[in-house]
Amino acid sequence: MSEPEPPFRPREKLIEKQKYFQSINKPTYLKGPHDKITSVTIPLALAATAMFMTARGIYNMAHGIGKKDML
């Protein structure tokens, strides 16, 4: 029989990381140091951009701005 593979990380470091992540009183997706950027800021920026472009399109349609000429 072959021996089992060694773990990717030492058990001590894994237990240390588990203690860190289990002791924080935040949602799972906000536990890392840069997680607020990817989980909060980027989606808010995308939503704001989409709302701006939608409002601009409605305004342009209501005022007849930017129409293409059909020949």
N, C-alpha and C. Protein backbone atom coordinates (compact mmCIF):
# COMPACT_ATOMS: atom_id res chain seq x y z
N MET A 1 0.82 -1.18 0.00
CA MET A 1 0.00 0.00 0.00
C MET A 1 0.87 1.25 0.00
N SER A 2 0.39 2.26 -0.66
CA SER A 2 1.14 3.51 -0.68
C SER A 2 0.73 4.37 0.51
N GLU A 3 1.64 5.23 0.90
CA GLU A 3 1.35 6.12 2.03
C GLU A 3 0.46 7.27 1.58
N PRO A 4 -0.37 7.80 2.46
CA PRO A 4 -1.20 8.94 2.06
C PRO A 4 -0.33 10.16 1.79
N GLU A 5 -0.85 11.02 0.91
CA GLU A 5 -0.10 12.23 0.56
C GLU A 5 -0.01 13.16 1.77
N PRO A 6 1.08 13.91 1.85
CA PRO A 6 1.17 14.90 2.93
C PRO A 6 0.19 16.05 2.66
N PRO A 7 -0.33 16.69 3.68
CA PRO A 7 -1.27 17.80 3.46
C PRO A 7 -0.58 18.99 2.80
N PHE A 8 -1.38 19.82 2.14
CA PHE A 8 -0.84 21.01 1.47
C PHE A 8 -0.28 22.00 2.47
N ARG A 9 -0.95 22.13 3.60
CA ARG A 9 -0.51 23.04 4.65
C ARG A 9 -0.28 22.25 5.93
N PRO A 10 0.64 22.68 6.75
CA PRO A 10 0.79 22.01 8.04
C PRO A 10 -0.48 22.17 8.88
N ARG A 11 -0.78 21.16 9.65
CA ARG A 11 -2.00 21.15 10.46
C ARG A 11 -2.06 22.33 11.42
N GLU A 12 -0.92 22.74 11.97
CA GLU A 12 -0.90 23.84 12.93
C GLU A 12 -1.35 25.14 12.29
N LYS A 13 -0.86 25.41 11.06
CA LYS A 13 -1.26 26.65 10.38
C LYS A 13 -2.74 26.61 10.01
N LEU A 14 -3.23 25.44 9.64
CA LEU A 14 -4.64 25.31 9.30
C LEU A 14 -5.52 25.59 10.51
N ILE A 15 -5.16 25.05 11.65
CA ILE A 15 -5.93 25.29 12.88
C ILE A 15 -5.86 26.77 13.27
N GLU A 16 -4.70 27.39 13.07
CA GLU A 16 -4.55 28.82 13.37
C GLU A 16 -5.47 29.67 12.50
N LYS A 17 -5.54 29.35 11.20
CA LYS A 17 -6.43 30.08 10.29
C LYS A 17 -7.89 29.85 10.66
N GLN A 18 -8.26 28.62 11.03
CA GLN A 18 -9.63 28.34 11.39
C GLN A 18 -10.03 29.13 12.63
N LYS A 19 -9.14 29.23 13.60
CA LYS A 19 -9.44 30.02 14.79
C LYS A 19 -9.67 31.48 14.42
N TYR A 20 -8.86 32.00 13.50
CA TYR A 20 -8.99 33.39 13.07
C TYR A 20 -10.35 33.62 12.41
N PHE A 21 -10.72 32.76 11.47
CA PHE A 21 -11.95 32.98 10.73
C PHE A 21 -13.19 32.66 11.56
N GLN A 22 -13.09 31.79 12.54
CA GLN A 22 -14.25 31.47 13.36
C GLN A 22 -14.48 32.48 14.47
N SER A 23 -13.47 33.28 14.78
CA SER A 23 -13.61 34.23 15.88
C SER A 23 -14.13 35.60 15.43
N ILE A 24 -14.14 35.87 14.14
CA ILE A 24 -14.57 37.17 13.64
C ILE A 24 -16.09 37.21 13.53
N ASN A 25 -16.69 38.29 13.99
CA ASN A 25 -18.14 38.43 13.93
C ASN A 25 -18.55 39.21 12.70
N LYS A 26 -18.19 38.72 11.54
CA LYS A 26 -18.57 39.32 10.28
C LYS A 26 -19.09 38.21 9.37
N PRO A 27 -19.81 38.56 8.31
CA PRO A 27 -20.22 37.53 7.35
C PRO A 27 -18.99 36.87 6.71
N THR A 28 -19.17 35.68 6.23
CA THR A 28 -18.06 34.90 5.67
C THR A 28 -17.38 35.64 4.53
N TYR A 29 -18.13 36.34 3.69
CA TYR A 29 -17.54 36.97 2.51
C TYR A 29 -16.82 38.27 2.83
N LEU A 30 -16.82 38.73 4.07
CA LEU A 30 -16.12 39.97 4.43
C LEU A 30 -15.00 39.73 5.44
N LYS A 31 -14.46 38.53 5.50
CA LYS A 31 -13.48 38.22 6.53
C LYS A 31 -12.05 38.54 6.14
N GLY A 32 -11.73 38.59 4.87
CA GLY A 32 -10.37 38.87 4.44
C GLY A 32 -10.09 40.36 4.45
N PRO A 33 -8.82 40.73 4.30
CA PRO A 33 -8.47 42.15 4.37
C PRO A 33 -8.98 42.98 3.18
N HIS A 34 -9.11 42.39 2.01
CA HIS A 34 -9.52 43.16 0.83
C HIS A 34 -10.90 42.74 0.33
N ASP A 35 -11.68 42.05 1.15
CA ASP A 35 -12.96 41.53 0.69
C ASP A 35 -14.02 42.60 0.52
N LYS A 36 -13.89 43.73 1.23
CA LYS A 36 -14.89 44.79 1.05
C LYS A 36 -14.80 45.39 -0.34
N ILE A 37 -13.62 45.40 -0.93
CA ILE A 37 -13.47 45.95 -2.28
C ILE A 37 -14.23 45.09 -3.28
N THR A 38 -14.05 43.77 -3.20
CA THR A 38 -14.68 42.90 -4.19
C THR A 38 -16.14 42.61 -3.89
N SER A 39 -16.54 42.64 -2.63
CA SER A 39 -17.91 42.26 -2.29
C SER A 39 -18.86 43.45 -2.15
N VAL A 40 -18.33 44.65 -1.98
CA VAL A 40 -19.20 45.80 -1.75
C VAL A 40 -18.97 46.88 -2.80
N THR A 41 -17.75 47.32 -2.95
CA THR A 41 -17.45 48.48 -3.80
C THR A 41 -17.71 48.21 -5.27
N ILE A 42 -17.23 47.10 -5.79
CA ILE A 42 -17.39 46.81 -7.22
C ILE A 42 -18.87 46.62 -7.59
N PRO A 43 -19.66 45.83 -6.84
CA PRO A 43 -21.09 45.75 -7.19
C PRO A 43 -21.83 47.08 -7.09
N LEU A 44 -21.48 47.90 -6.09
CA LEU A 44 -22.13 49.22 -5.99
C LEU A 44 -21.78 50.10 -7.18
N ALA A 45 -20.52 50.05 -7.62
CA ALA A 45 -20.11 50.83 -8.79
C ALA A 45 -20.84 50.36 -10.04
N LEU A 46 -20.97 49.05 -10.21
CA LEU A 46 -21.69 48.53 -11.38
C LEU A 46 -23.17 48.93 -11.34
N ALA A 47 -23.78 48.85 -10.17
CA ALA A 47 -25.20 49.23 -10.06
C ALA A 47 -25.38 50.71 -10.33
N ALA A 48 -24.50 51.56 -9.81
CA ALA A 48 -24.60 53.00 -10.04
C ALA A 48 -24.43 53.33 -11.52
N THR A 49 -23.48 52.66 -12.17
CA THR A 49 -23.26 52.89 -13.61
C THR A 49 -24.49 52.47 -14.41
N ALA A 50 -25.07 51.33 -14.08
CA ALA A 50 -26.25 50.85 -14.80
C ALA A 50 -27.43 51.81 -14.62
N MET A 51 -27.63 52.30 -13.38
CA MET A 51 -28.73 53.24 -13.15
C MET A 51 -28.50 54.55 -13.90
N PHE A 52 -27.26 55.04 -13.93
CA PHE A 52 -26.97 56.27 -14.65
C PHE A 52 -27.24 56.10 -16.14
N MET A 53 -26.77 54.99 -16.71
CA MET A 53 -26.96 54.79 -18.16
C MET A 53 -28.43 54.60 -18.50
N THR A 54 -29.19 53.94 -17.63
CA THR A 54 -30.62 53.77 -17.86
C THR A 54 -31.34 55.12 -17.81
N ALA A 55 -31.02 55.92 -16.81
CA ALA A 55 -31.65 57.24 -16.69
C ALA A 55 -31.29 58.13 -17.88
N ARG A 56 -30.03 58.07 -18.32
CA ARG A 56 -29.63 58.87 -19.47
C ARG A 56 -30.36 58.43 -20.72
N GLY A 57 -30.53 57.11 -20.89
CA GLY A 57 -31.26 56.61 -22.05
C GLY A 57 -32.72 57.03 -22.06
N ILE A 58 -33.35 56.97 -20.89
CA ILE A 58 -34.76 57.40 -20.79
C ILE A 58 -34.87 58.89 -21.09
N TYR A 59 -33.95 59.69 -20.55
CA TYR A 59 -33.97 61.13 -20.80
C TYR A 59 -33.79 61.40 -22.31
N ASN A 60 -32.84 60.73 -22.92
CA ASN A 60 -32.59 60.94 -24.35
C ASN A 60 -33.79 60.53 -25.19
N MET A 61 -34.46 59.43 -24.83
CA MET A 61 -35.65 59.01 -25.58
C MET A 61 -36.78 60.00 -25.40
N ALA A 62 -36.95 60.54 -24.19
CA ALA A 62 -38.04 61.46 -23.93
C ALA A 62 -37.85 62.77 -24.67
N HIS A 63 -36.59 63.18 -24.88
CA HIS A 63 -36.32 64.45 -25.55
C HIS A 63 -35.88 64.28 -27.00
N GLY A 64 -35.84 63.08 -27.50
CA GLY A 64 -35.49 62.84 -28.90
C GLY A 64 -34.03 63.14 -29.21
N ILE A 65 -33.16 62.95 -28.26
CA ILE A 65 -31.73 63.24 -28.45
C ILE A 65 -31.03 61.97 -28.91
N GLY A 66 -30.10 62.14 -29.87
CA GLY A 66 -29.26 61.02 -30.28
C GLY A 66 -29.93 60.01 -31.18
N LYS A 67 -30.96 60.42 -31.92
CA LYS A 67 -31.62 59.48 -32.82
C LYS A 67 -30.76 59.25 -34.05
N LYS A 68 -30.84 58.06 -34.58
CA LYS A 68 -30.13 57.71 -35.82
C LYS A 68 -31.05 58.05 -36.99
N ASP A 69 -30.50 58.60 -38.03
CA ASP A 69 -31.28 58.91 -39.23
C ASP A 69 -31.48 57.63 -40.05
N MET A 70 -32.71 57.37 -40.38
CA MET A 70 -33.03 56.20 -41.21
C MET A 70 -33.26 56.69 -42.63
N LEU A 71 -32.48 56.22 -43.57
CA LEU A 71 -32.62 56.66 -44.96
C LEU A 71 -33.49 55.75 -45.76
